Amino acid sequence: MNHRLIWVAAAAIVLAVWWILDGPLWALVAAVGTLVVTAPAAFDLGARSAERSLLRAARKRGLELPADPRIDHLVMDKQGYLTTGTLRVASVEPVRADYDRDMRWFAGALEHHSDHPVGKALARLATRGRVTDVVHHRDAGISGVVDKHPVRVGRPDWIGVPDPGRLGTTVGVEVDERPLGTITLVDTVAPHAADGVAQLRELGITAVLATTDSARNAEHLADIVGIDRCFASTTPEQAKAALHADGRRADVLPAPAAPSDLRLVAEAYALARDLPARIHRSRRAALVVSIAAGLVVASSPALAVFPAR
């Protein structure tokens, strides 16, 4: 429906009717009045009213509306929406059974000096010891002296122990230059990640996982939360570019500063997609009101032409 054509048509009809009834003077007055009252600004006001209503609804729910609600693929990293960002110890595998306690104690005490998610998870294995000479080795691990014992915790190949090949992240532990074994940690899956993925799917949006993790870890997490497509050893931006090259309309979901509920993201997309319908309803209401006001203005010359007796 072209509201501007209706606007011009209504004024033209008023002009013609009053020209026939009472000549050009009152016809022009009625037509101009109709144009003013039923101006297209009324429809723009209706659209702005719908937008404000949508923003109020979003703020009330604590939602951030997406820039492009019409995407068909939403790419996300695992952190924040699919996982909580924290790791938990899944297994401790000492080279010898009597190494288990030492592994936990020395690794946990040393990792109290690390801000890495792996370090934070290992730190829960032990209390703080007397730790000195801490050195963070980029992409390898951490070393230091715990209660006068040199300790290293890091990649199995850096420590010199075989990687058991388990799901998750595995580190080796060395004390007094002697490898004690490995500890494997896994992600903590966000409690409502699967529900959020399902709600996005209902909207016709395919959730895509893009992570720098290995293919096996990525596929395992994707299977848990119900994601059908994932990219391993890939950043979200790289995955987005690949989807665009494949003709998909994709966007990247920014990683939140703190763990967030993916269901709220799905709700934000649903709300944003409702905007055209809201605008249509608001403009239709504005059209009815403006035409009614225009008819009042159009009939006002009758008060002069047909005075009360």
C-alpha atoms as a PDB file:
ATOM      1  CA  MET A   1       0.000   0.000   0.000  1.00  0.00           C
ATOM      2  CA  ASN A   2       1.402   3.392  -1.053  1.00  0.00           C
ATOM      3  CA  HIS A   3       0.373   5.803   1.685  1.00  0.00           C
ATOM      4  CA  ARG A   4       1.437   8.846  -0.301  1.00  0.00           C
ATOM      5  CA  LEU A   5      -0.927   7.939  -3.154  1.00  0.00           C
ATOM      6  CA  ILE A   6      -3.774   7.627  -0.647  1.00  0.00           C
ATOM      7  CA  TRP A   7      -2.774  11.003   0.801  1.00  0.00           C
ATOM      8  CA  VAL A   8      -2.892  12.723  -2.624  1.00  0.00           C
ATOM      9  CA  ALA A   9      -6.045  10.867  -3.693  1.00  0.00           C
ATOM     10  CA  ALA A  10      -7.926  11.919  -0.549  1.00  0.00           C
ATOM     11  CA  ALA A  11      -7.015  15.574  -1.102  1.00  0.00           C
ATOM     12  CA  ALA A  12      -8.010  15.359  -4.784  1.00  0.00           C
ATOM     13  CA  ILE A  13     -11.409  13.888  -3.922  1.00  0.00           C
ATOM     14  CA  VAL A  14     -12.031  16.611  -1.331  1.00  0.00           C
ATOM     15  CA  LEU A  15     -11.004  19.271  -3.837  1.00  0.00           C
ATOM     16  CA  ALA A  16     -13.361  17.910  -6.501  1.00  0.00           C
ATOM     17  CA  VAL A  17     -16.348  17.507  -4.163  1.00  0.00           C
ATOM     18  CA  TRP A  18     -16.092  20.978  -2.673  1.00  0.00           C
ATOM     19  CA  TRP A  19     -15.409  22.577  -6.054  1.00  0.00           C
ATOM     20  CA  ILE A  20     -18.728  21.175  -7.223  1.00  0.00           C
ATOM     21  CA  LEU A  21     -20.560  22.112  -4.021  1.00  0.00           C
ATOM     22  CA  ASP A  22     -19.204  25.577  -3.378  1.00  0.00           C
ATOM     23  CA  GLY A  23     -16.608  26.653  -5.914  1.00  0.00           C
ATOM     24  CA  PRO A  24     -12.823  26.923  -5.815  1.00  0.00           C
ATOM     25  CA  LEU A  25     -12.318  28.943  -2.595  1.00  0.00           C
ATOM     26  CA  TRP A  26     -13.717  26.468  -0.067  1.00  0.00           C
ATOM     27  CA  ALA A  27     -12.487  23.584  -2.221  1.00  0.00           C
ATOM     28  CA  LEU A  28      -8.915  24.805  -1.885  1.00  0.00           C
ATOM     29  CA  VAL A  29      -9.342  25.381   1.872  1.00  0.00           C
ATOM     30  CA  ALA A  30     -10.690  21.866   2.386  1.00  0.00           C
ATOM     31  CA  ALA A  31      -8.090  20.227   0.136  1.00  0.00           C
ATOM     32  CA  VAL A  32      -5.148  22.017   1.777  1.00  0.00           C
ATOM     33  CA  GLY A  33      -6.523  21.180   5.219  1.00  0.00           C
ATOM     34  CA  THR A  34      -6.820  17.548   4.214  1.00  0.00           C
ATOM     35  CA  LEU A  35      -3.245  17.502   2.917  1.00  0.00           C
ATOM     36  CA  VAL A  36      -1.943  19.013   6.155  1.00  0.00           C
ATOM     37  CA  VAL A  37      -3.840  16.691   8.471  1.00  0.00           C
ATOM     38  CA  THR A  38      -3.186  13.504   6.486  1.00  0.00           C
ATOM     39  CA  ALA A  39       0.429  14.299   5.609  1.00  0.00           C
ATOM     40  CA  PRO A  40       2.846  11.381   5.082  1.00  0.00           C
ATOM     41  CA  ALA A  41       4.550  12.489   8.278  1.00  0.00           C
ATOM     42  CA  ALA A  42       1.737  10.670  10.033  1.00  0.00           C
ATOM     43  CA  PHE A  43       3.012   7.429   8.569  1.00  0.00           C
ATOM     44  CA  ASP A  44       6.585   8.273   9.496  1.00  0.00           C
ATOM     45  CA  LEU A  45       5.382   9.004  13.014  1.00  0.00           C
ATOM     46  CA  GLY A  46       3.718   5.613  12.980  1.00  0.00           C
ATOM     47  CA  ALA A  47       7.008   3.980  11.967  1.00  0.00           C
ATOM     48  CA  ARG A  48       8.954   5.839  14.631  1.00  0.00           C
ATOM     49  CA  SER A  49       6.346   4.897  17.181  1.00  0.00           C
ATOM     50  CA  ALA A  50       6.803   1.232  16.258  1.00  0.00           C
ATOM     51  CA  GLU A  51      10.578   1.535  16.535  1.00  0.00           C
ATOM     52  CA  ARG A  52      10.329   3.183  19.950  1.00  0.00           C
ATOM     53  CA  SER A  53       7.946   0.487  21.099  1.00  0.00           C
ATOM     54  CA  LEU A  54      10.396  -2.167  19.927  1.00  0.00           C
ATOM     55  CA  LEU A  55      13.330  -0.511  21.704  1.00  0.00           C
ATOM     56  CA  ARG A  56      11.317  -0.235  24.912  1.00  0.00           C
ATOM     57  CA  ALA A  57      10.466  -3.922  24.703  1.00  0.00           C
ATOM     58  CA  ALA A  58      14.137  -4.794  24.090  1.00  0.00           C
ATOM     59  CA  ARG A  59      15.364  -2.674  27.006  1.00  0.00           C
ATOM     60  CA  LYS A  60      12.753  -4.196  29.274  1.00  0.00           C
ATOM     61  CA  ARG A  61      14.147  -7.662  28.480  1.00  0.00           C
ATOM     62  CA  GLY A  62      17.759  -6.502  28.599  1.00  0.00           C
ATOM     63  CA  LEU A  63      18.292  -7.313  24.912  1.00  0.00           C
ATOM     64  CA  GLU A  64      20.607  -5.779  22.343  1.00  0.00           C
ATOM     65  CA  LEU A  65      18.930  -5.770  18.933  1.00  0.00           C
ATOM     66  CA  PRO A  66      21.027  -7.104  16.028  1.00  0.00           C
ATOM     67  CA  ALA A  67      22.075  -4.823  13.182  1.00  0.00           C
ATOM     68  CA  ASP A  68      20.880  -7.329  10.567  1.00  0.00           C
ATOM     69  CA  PRO A  69      18.030  -9.524  11.808  1.00  0.00           C
ATOM     70  CA  ARG A  70      17.563 -11.205   8.397  1.00  0.00           C
ATOM     71  CA  ILE A  71      20.711 -13.345   8.486  1.00  0.00           C
ATOM     72  CA  ASP A  72      20.539 -17.094   7.910  1.00  0.00           C
ATOM     73  CA  HIS A  73      23.794 -18.065   9.678  1.00  0.00           C
ATOM     74  CA  LEU A  74      25.089 -16.794  13.033  1.00  0.00           C
ATOM     75  CA  VAL A  75      28.767 -17.532  13.730  1.00  0.00           C
ATOM     76  CA  MET A  76      29.978 -17.690  17.315  1.00  0.00           C
ATOM     77  CA  ASP A  77      33.010 -18.706  19.333  1.00  0.00           C
ATOM     78  CA  LYS A  78      32.508 -21.188  22.145  1.00  0.00           C
ATOM     79  CA  GLN A  79      33.275 -18.665  24.888  1.00  0.00           C
ATOM     80  CA  GLY A  80      30.407 -16.861  26.572  1.00  0.00           C
ATOM     81  CA  TYR A  81      27.336 -18.390  24.928  1.00  0.00           C
ATOM     82  CA  LEU A  82      28.175 -22.076  24.393  1.00  0.00           C
ATOM     83  CA  THR A  83      30.564 -22.510  27.311  1.00  0.00           C
ATOM     84  CA  THR A  84      30.933 -20.669  30.597  1.00  0.00           C
ATOM     85  CA  GLY A  85      34.596 -19.872  29.970  1.00  0.00           C
ATOM     86  CA  THR A  86      35.714 -22.093  32.829  1.00  0.00           C
ATOM     87  CA  LEU A  87      37.358 -25.490  32.577  1.00  0.00           C
ATOM     88  CA  ARG A  88      37.081 -28.483  34.870  1.00  0.00           C
ATOM     89  CA  VAL A  89      39.501 -31.329  35.462  1.00  0.00           C
ATOM     90  CA  ALA A  90      38.241 -34.417  33.645  1.00  0.00           C
ATOM     91  CA  SER A  91      41.091 -36.813  34.379  1.00  0.00           C
ATOM     92  CA  VAL A  92      44.434 -37.037  36.161  1.00  0.00           C
ATOM     93  CA  GLU A  93      46.719 -39.687  34.681  1.00  0.00           C
ATOM     94  CA  PRO A  94      50.014 -40.112  36.577  1.00  0.00           C
ATOM     95  CA  VAL A  95      52.875 -42.100  35.152  1.00  0.00           C
ATOM     96  CA  ARG A  96      52.815 -44.046  38.429  1.00  0.00           C
ATOM     97  CA  ALA A  97      49.866 -44.350  40.817  1.00  0.00           C
ATOM     98  CA  ASP A  98      51.794 -42.817  43.716  1.00  0.00           C
ATOM     99  CA  TYR A  99      52.438 -39.648  41.658  1.00  0.00           C
ATOM    100  CA  ASP A 100      48.774 -38.637  41.703  1.00  0.00           C
ATOM    101  CA  ARG A 101      48.907 -36.583  44.904  1.00  0.00           C
ATOM    102  CA  ASP A 102      52.138 -34.804  43.965  1.00  0.00           C
ATOM    103  CA  MET A 103      50.784 -33.953  40.513  1.00  0.00           C
ATOM    104  CA  ARG A 104      47.710 -32.293  41.956  1.00  0.00           C
ATOM    105  CA  TRP A 105      49.607 -30.424  44.666  1.00  0.00           C
ATOM    106  CA  PHE A 106      52.512 -29.039  42.653  1.00  0.00           C
ATOM    107  CA  ALA A 107      50.481 -28.224  39.537  1.00  0.00           C
ATOM    108  CA  GLY A 108      47.704 -26.598  41.558  1.00  0.00           C
ATOM    109  CA  ALA A 109      50.076 -24.539  43.712  1.00  0.00           C
ATOM    110  CA  LEU A 110      52.009 -23.240  40.703  1.00  0.00           C
ATOM    111  CA  GLU A 111      48.890 -22.412  38.679  1.00  0.00           C
ATOM    112  CA  HIS A 112      47.669 -20.040  41.401  1.00  0.00           C
ATOM    113  CA  HIS A 113      50.006 -17.635  39.613  1.00  0.00           C
ATOM    114  CA  SER A 114      48.279 -18.010  36.230  1.00  0.00           C
ATOM    115  CA  ASP A 115      45.299 -16.110  34.795  1.00  0.00           C
ATOM    116  CA  HIS A 116      44.751 -18.607  31.985  1.00  0.00           C
ATOM    117  CA  PRO A 117      41.516 -20.686  32.155  1.00  0.00           C
ATOM    118  CA  VAL A 118      43.650 -23.840  32.318  1.00  0.00           C
ATOM    119  CA  GLY A 119      45.619 -22.398  35.222  1.00  0.00           C
ATOM    120  CA  LYS A 120      42.475 -21.318  37.068  1.00  0.00           C
ATOM    121  CA  ALA A 121      41.041 -24.822  36.787  1.00  0.00           C
ATOM    122  CA  LEU A 122      44.267 -26.479  37.954  1.00  0.00           C
ATOM    123  CA  ALA A 123      44.586 -24.020  40.843  1.00  0.00           C
ATOM    124  CA  ARG A 124      41.474 -25.562  42.369  1.00  0.00           C
ATOM    125  CA  LEU A 125      43.413 -28.777  42.887  1.00  0.00           C
ATOM    126  CA  ALA A 126      45.587 -27.356  45.675  1.00  0.00           C
ATOM    127  CA  THR A 127      46.092 -24.507  48.099  1.00  0.00           C
ATOM    128  CA  ARG A 128      48.781 -21.880  47.612  1.00  0.00           C
ATOM    129  CA  GLY A 129      52.289 -23.035  48.368  1.00  0.00           C
ATOM    130  CA  ARG A 130      55.546 -21.123  48.609  1.00  0.00           C
ATOM    131  CA  VAL A 131      56.058 -20.304  44.945  1.00  0.00           C
ATOM    132  CA  THR A 132      58.956 -18.341  43.464  1.00  0.00           C
ATOM    133  CA  ASP A 133      60.652 -17.762  40.093  1.00  0.00           C
ATOM    134  CA  VAL A 134      57.407 -18.001  38.114  1.00  0.00           C
ATOM    135  CA  VAL A 135      57.900 -17.768  34.345  1.00  0.00           C
ATOM    136  CA  HIS A 136      55.114 -17.843  31.753  1.00  0.00           C
ATOM    137  CA  HIS A 137      56.277 -19.547  28.559  1.00  0.00           C
ATOM    138  CA  ARG A 138      54.177 -18.380  25.637  1.00  0.00           C
ATOM    139  CA  ASP A 139      52.216 -21.213  23.970  1.00  0.00           C
ATOM    140  CA  ALA A 140      54.056 -23.745  26.130  1.00  0.00           C
ATOM    141  CA  GLY A 141      53.096 -23.426  29.778  1.00  0.00           C
ATOM    142  CA  ILE A 142      54.332 -22.132  33.102  1.00  0.00           C
ATOM    143  CA  SER A 143      57.344 -22.905  35.292  1.00  0.00           C
ATOM    144  CA  GLY A 144      58.389 -21.984  38.799  1.00  0.00           C
ATOM    145  CA  VAL A 145      59.705 -23.231  42.102  1.00  0.00           C
ATOM    146  CA  VAL A 146      57.145 -24.673  44.558  1.00  0.00           C
ATOM    147  CA  ASP A 147      58.405 -25.361  48.070  1.00  0.00           C
ATOM    148  CA  LYS A 148      61.963 -25.433  46.655  1.00  0.00           C
ATOM    149  CA  HIS A 149      60.993 -27.939  43.928  1.00  0.00           C
ATOM    150  CA  PRO A 150      61.281 -26.849  40.273  1.00  0.00           C
ATOM    151  CA  VAL A 151      57.923 -27.420  38.568  1.00  0.00           C
ATOM    152  CA  ARG A 152      56.726 -27.133  34.964  1.00  0.00           C
ATOM    153  CA  VAL A 153      53.151 -27.430  33.717  1.00  0.00           C
ATOM    154  CA  GLY A 154      52.323 -27.160  30.037  1.00  0.00           C
ATOM    155  CA  ARG A 155      51.990 -28.854  26.665  1.00  0.00           C
ATOM    156  CA  PRO A 156      52.745 -32.592  26.862  1.00  0.00           C
ATOM    157  CA  ASP A 157      55.466 -32.319  24.186  1.00  0.00           C
ATOM    158  CA  TRP A 158      57.120 -29.495  26.178  1.00  0.00           C
ATOM    159  CA  ILE A 159      57.096 -31.597  29.332  1.00  0.00           C
ATOM    160  CA  GLY A 160      58.162 -34.722  27.452  1.00  0.00           C
ATOM    161  CA  VAL A 161      55.151 -36.972  28.071  1.00  0.00           C
ATOM    162  CA  PRO A 162      52.886 -38.590  25.477  1.00  0.00           C
ATOM    163  CA  ASP A 163      49.539 -36.912  24.824  1.00  0.00           C
ATOM    164  CA  PRO A 164      46.768 -39.408  25.702  1.00  0.00           C
ATOM    165  CA  GLY A 165      44.633 -37.940  22.912  1.00  0.00           C
ATOM    166  CA  ARG A 166      41.570 -37.306  25.017  1.00  0.00           C
ATOM    167  CA  LEU A 167      38.853 -34.749  24.388  1.00  0.00           C
ATOM    168  CA  GLY A 168      39.661 -31.395  25.927  1.00  0.00           C
ATOM    169  CA  THR A 169      42.970 -29.754  26.822  1.00  0.00           C
ATOM    170  CA  THR A 170      45.781 -31.889  28.183  1.00  0.00           C
ATOM    171  CA  VAL A 171      48.837 -30.610  30.076  1.00  0.00           C
ATOM    172  CA  GLY A 172      51.865 -32.426  31.372  1.00  0.00           C
ATOM    173  CA  VAL A 173      53.317 -31.986  34.872  1.00  0.00           C
ATOM    174  CA  GLU A 174      57.003 -32.120  35.715  1.00  0.00           C
ATOM    175  CA  VAL A 175      58.526 -31.891  39.208  1.00  0.00           C
ATOM    176  CA  ASP A 176      62.263 -31.952  39.907  1.00  0.00           C
ATOM    177  CA  GLU A 177      62.850 -32.450  36.161  1.00  0.00           C
ATOM    178  CA  ARG A 178      60.835 -35.678  36.292  1.00  0.00           C
ATOM    179  CA  PRO A 179      57.580 -36.026  34.292  1.00  0.00           C
ATOM    180  CA  LEU A 180      54.774 -37.156  36.588  1.00  0.00           C
ATOM    181  CA  GLY A 181      51.929 -37.514  34.090  1.00  0.00           C
ATOM    182  CA  THR A 182      49.129 -35.594  32.425  1.00  0.00           C
ATOM    183  CA  ILE A 183      45.962 -33.771  33.457  1.00  0.00           C
ATOM    184  CA  THR A 184      43.083 -33.295  31.016  1.00  0.00           C
ATOM    185  CA  LEU A 185      40.554 -30.470  31.315  1.00  0.00           C
ATOM    186  CA  VAL A 186      37.270 -29.929  29.464  1.00  0.00           C
ATOM    187  CA  ASP A 187      34.955 -26.984  28.881  1.00  0.00           C
ATOM    188  CA  THR A 188      31.927 -26.377  31.074  1.00  0.00           C
ATOM    189  CA  VAL A 189      28.965 -26.167  28.700  1.00  0.00           C
ATOM    190  CA  ALA A 190      26.595 -23.246  29.264  1.00  0.00           C
ATOM    191  CA  PRO A 191      23.342 -24.515  30.807  1.00  0.00           C
ATOM    192  CA  HIS A 192      20.996 -23.073  28.156  1.00  0.00           C
ATOM    193  CA  ALA A 193      23.245 -23.256  25.078  1.00  0.00           C
ATOM    194  CA  ALA A 194      21.272 -26.083  23.450  1.00  0.00           C
ATOM    195  CA  ASP A 195      17.967 -24.257  24.032  1.00  0.00           C
ATOM    196  CA  GLY A 196      19.370 -21.094  22.446  1.00  0.00           C
ATOM    197  CA  VAL A 197      20.605 -23.011  19.395  1.00  0.00           C
ATOM    198  CA  ALA A 198      17.153 -24.606  19.036  1.00  0.00           C
ATOM    199  CA  GLN A 199      15.398 -21.219  19.250  1.00  0.00           C
ATOM    200  CA  LEU A 200      17.692 -19.786  16.576  1.00  0.00           C
ATOM    201  CA  ARG A 201      16.888 -22.767  14.367  1.00  0.00           C
ATOM    202  CA  GLU A 202      13.154 -22.078  14.773  1.00  0.00           C
ATOM    203  CA  LEU A 203      13.827 -18.581  13.395  1.00  0.00           C
ATOM    204  CA  GLY A 204      15.583 -20.076  10.365  1.00  0.00           C
ATOM    205  CA  ILE A 205      19.033 -19.111  11.670  1.00  0.00           C
ATOM    206  CA  THR A 206      21.764 -21.740  11.614  1.00  0.00           C
ATOM    207  CA  ALA A 207      24.149 -21.464  14.570  1.00  0.00           C
ATOM    208  CA  VAL A 208      27.765 -21.990  13.472  1.00  0.00           C
ATOM    209  CA  LEU A 209      30.651 -22.740  15.833  1.00  0.00           C
ATOM    210  CA  ALA A 210      34.046 -21.293  14.905  1.00  0.00           C
ATOM    211  CA  THR A 211      36.870 -22.090  17.293  1.00  0.00           C
ATOM    212  CA  THR A 212      40.633 -22.394  17.327  1.00  0.00           C
ATOM    213  CA  ASP A 213      40.240 -25.767  19.064  1.00  0.00           C
ATOM    214  CA  SER A 214      40.953 -29.048  17.308  1.00  0.00           C
ATOM    215  CA  ALA A 215      38.359 -30.549  14.987  1.00  0.00           C
ATOM    216  CA  ARG A 216      37.571 -33.317  17.482  1.00  0.00           C
ATOM    217  CA  ASN A 217      36.934 -30.893  20.347  1.00  0.00           C
ATOM    218  CA  ALA A 218      34.898 -28.575  18.116  1.00  0.00           C
ATOM    219  CA  GLU A 219      32.715 -31.393  16.799  1.00  0.00           C
ATOM    220  CA  HIS A 220      32.192 -32.757  20.313  1.00  0.00           C
ATOM    221  CA  LEU A 221      30.978 -29.403  21.647  1.00  0.00           C
ATOM    222  CA  ALA A 222      28.815 -28.831  18.558  1.00  0.00           C
ATOM    223  CA  ASP A 223      27.183 -32.222  19.069  1.00  0.00           C
ATOM    224  CA  ILE A 224      26.419 -31.466  22.735  1.00  0.00           C
ATOM    225  CA  VAL A 225      24.662 -28.145  22.031  1.00  0.00           C
ATOM    226  CA  GLY A 226      22.994 -29.216  18.764  1.00  0.00           C
ATOM    227  CA  ILE A 227      25.050 -27.220  16.274  1.00  0.00           C
ATOM    228  CA  ASP A 228      25.160 -28.817  12.817  1.00  0.00           C
ATOM    229  CA  ARG A 229      28.061 -26.861  11.344  1.00  0.00           C
ATOM    230  CA  CYS A 230      31.390 -26.004  12.904  1.00  0.00           C
ATOM    231  CA  PHE A 231      34.786 -24.695  11.851  1.00  0.00           C
ATOM    232  CA  ALA A 232      37.852 -25.936  13.722  1.00  0.00           C
ATOM    233  CA  SER A 233      41.140 -24.036  13.947  1.00  0.00           C
ATOM    234  CA  THR A 234      39.272 -21.039  12.558  1.00  0.00           C
ATOM    235  CA  THR A 235      38.303 -17.627  13.892  1.00  0.00           C
ATOM    236  CA  PRO A 236      34.666 -16.466  13.660  1.00  0.00           C
ATOM    237  CA  GLU A 237      35.612 -13.791  11.124  1.00  0.00           C
ATOM    238  CA  GLN A 238      37.275 -16.377   8.900  1.00  0.00           C
ATOM    239  CA  ALA A 239      34.197 -18.592   9.143  1.00  0.00           C
ATOM    240  CA  LYS A 240      31.972 -15.640   8.241  1.00  0.00           C
ATOM    241  CA  ALA A 241      34.060 -14.929   5.142  1.00  0.00           C
ATOM    242  CA  ALA A 242      33.812 -18.591   4.103  1.00  0.00           C
ATOM    243  CA  LEU A 243      30.022 -18.533   4.511  1.00  0.00           C
ATOM    244  CA  HIS A 244      29.743 -15.308   2.501  1.00  0.00           C
ATOM    245  CA  ALA A 245      31.782 -16.924  -0.267  1.00  0.00           C
ATOM    246  CA  ASP A 246      29.260 -19.774  -0.184  1.00  0.00           C
ATOM    247  CA  GLY A 247      26.414 -17.307  -0.743  1.00  0.00           C
ATOM    248  CA  ARG A 248      25.173 -17.291   2.851  1.00  0.00           C
ATOM    249  CA  ARG A 249      23.975 -14.245   4.730  1.00  0.00           C
ATOM    250  CA  ALA A 250      26.086 -14.587   7.866  1.00  0.00           C
ATOM    251  CA  ASP A 251      27.099 -12.457  10.804  1.00  0.00           C
ATOM    252  CA  VAL A 252      29.372 -12.903  13.822  1.00  0.00           C
ATOM    253  CA  LEU A 253      27.958 -12.905  17.336  1.00  0.00           C
ATOM    254  CA  PRO A 254      30.367 -10.810  19.433  1.00  0.00           C
ATOM    255  CA  ALA A 255      31.779 -12.633  22.438  1.00  0.00           C
ATOM    256  CA  PRO A 256      30.235 -11.258  25.650  1.00  0.00           C
ATOM    257  CA  ALA A 257      32.316  -9.862  28.491  1.00  0.00           C
ATOM    258  CA  ALA A 258      30.705 -12.395  30.829  1.00  0.00           C
ATOM    259  CA  PRO A 259      28.842 -15.688  30.282  1.00  0.00           C
ATOM    260  CA  SER A 260      25.482 -14.928  28.658  1.00  0.00           C
ATOM    261  CA  ASP A 261      22.296 -16.755  27.728  1.00  0.00           C
ATOM    262  CA  LEU A 262      22.038 -17.622  24.027  1.00  0.00           C
ATOM    263  CA  ARG A 263      18.247 -17.724  24.380  1.00  0.00           C
ATOM    264  CA  LEU A 264      18.290 -13.929  24.838  1.00  0.00           C
ATOM    265  CA  VAL A 265      20.142 -13.592  21.531  1.00  0.00           C
ATOM    266  CA  ALA A 266      17.444 -15.638  19.808  1.00  0.00           C
ATOM    267  CA  GLU A 267      14.778 -13.492  21.453  1.00  0.00           C
ATOM    268  CA  ALA A 268      16.518 -10.331  20.222  1.00  0.00           C
ATOM    269  CA  TYR A 269      16.474 -11.633  16.644  1.00  0.00           C
ATOM    270  CA  ALA A 270      12.802 -12.585  16.943  1.00  0.00           C
ATOM    271  CA  LEU A 271      11.958  -9.137  18.282  1.00  0.00           C
ATOM    272  CA  ALA A 272      13.957  -7.332  15.582  1.00  0.00           C
ATOM    273  CA  ARG A 273      12.290  -9.394  12.873  1.00  0.00           C
ATOM    274  CA  ASP A 274       8.919  -8.262  14.178  1.00  0.00           C
ATOM    275  CA  LEU A 275       9.723  -4.599  13.414  1.00  0.00           C
ATOM    276  CA  PRO A 276       8.263  -4.537   9.844  1.00  0.00           C
ATOM    277  CA  ALA A 277       4.983  -5.963  11.141  1.00  0.00           C
ATOM    278  CA  ARG A 278       4.952  -3.400  13.966  1.00  0.00           C
ATOM    279  CA  ILE A 279       5.576  -0.572  11.491  1.00  0.00           C
ATOM    280  CA  HIS A 280       2.792  -1.843   9.232  1.00  0.00           C
ATOM    281  CA  ARG A 281       0.351  -1.967  12.129  1.00  0.00           C
ATOM    282  CA  SER A 282       1.361   1.496  13.368  1.00  0.00           C
ATOM    283  CA  ARG A 283       1.107   3.026   9.892  1.00  0.00           C
ATOM    284  CA  ARG A 284      -2.270   1.435   9.331  1.00  0.00           C
ATOM    285  CA  ALA A 285      -3.506   2.923  12.595  1.00  0.00           C
ATOM    286  CA  ALA A 286      -2.000   6.291  11.639  1.00  0.00           C
ATOM    287  CA  LEU A 287      -3.727   6.067   8.244  1.00  0.00           C
ATOM    288  CA  VAL A 288      -7.143   5.484   9.824  1.00  0.00           C
ATOM    289  CA  VAL A 289      -6.697   8.341  12.299  1.00  0.00           C
ATOM    290  CA  SER A 290      -5.344  10.755   9.699  1.00  0.00           C
ATOM    291  CA  ILE A 291      -8.124  10.006   7.194  1.00  0.00           C
ATOM    292  CA  ALA A 292     -10.725  10.499   9.901  1.00  0.00           C
ATOM    293  CA  ALA A 293      -9.117  13.828  10.840  1.00  0.00           C
ATOM    294  CA  GLY A 294      -8.951  14.755   7.164  1.00  0.00           C
ATOM    295  CA  LEU A 295     -12.651  14.077   6.730  1.00  0.00           C
ATOM    296  CA  VAL A 296     -13.377  16.376   9.678  1.00  0.00           C
ATOM    297  CA  VAL A 297     -11.324  19.121   8.064  1.00  0.00           C
ATOM    298  CA  ALA A 298     -12.872  18.433   4.670  1.00  0.00           C
ATOM    299  CA  SER A 299     -16.391  18.785   6.072  1.00  0.00           C
ATOM    300  CA  SER A 300     -15.649  21.972   7.985  1.00  0.00           C
ATOM    301  CA  PRO A 301     -16.552  24.292   5.066  1.00  0.00           C
ATOM    302  CA  ALA A 302     -20.089  22.956   5.350  1.00  0.00           C
ATOM    303  CA  LEU A 303     -20.463  24.985   8.495  1.00  0.00           C
ATOM    304  CA  ALA A 304     -20.005  28.106   6.392  1.00  0.00           C
ATOM    305  CA  VAL A 305     -21.926  26.944   3.338  1.00  0.00           C
ATOM    306  CA  PHE A 306     -24.858  25.525   5.275  1.00  0.00           C
ATOM    307  CA  PRO A 307     -25.236  27.723   8.374  1.00  0.00           C
ATOM    308  CA  ALA A 308     -27.440  26.485  11.165  1.00  0.00           C
ATOM    309  CA  ARG A 309     -30.984  27.804  11.189  1.00  0.00           C
END
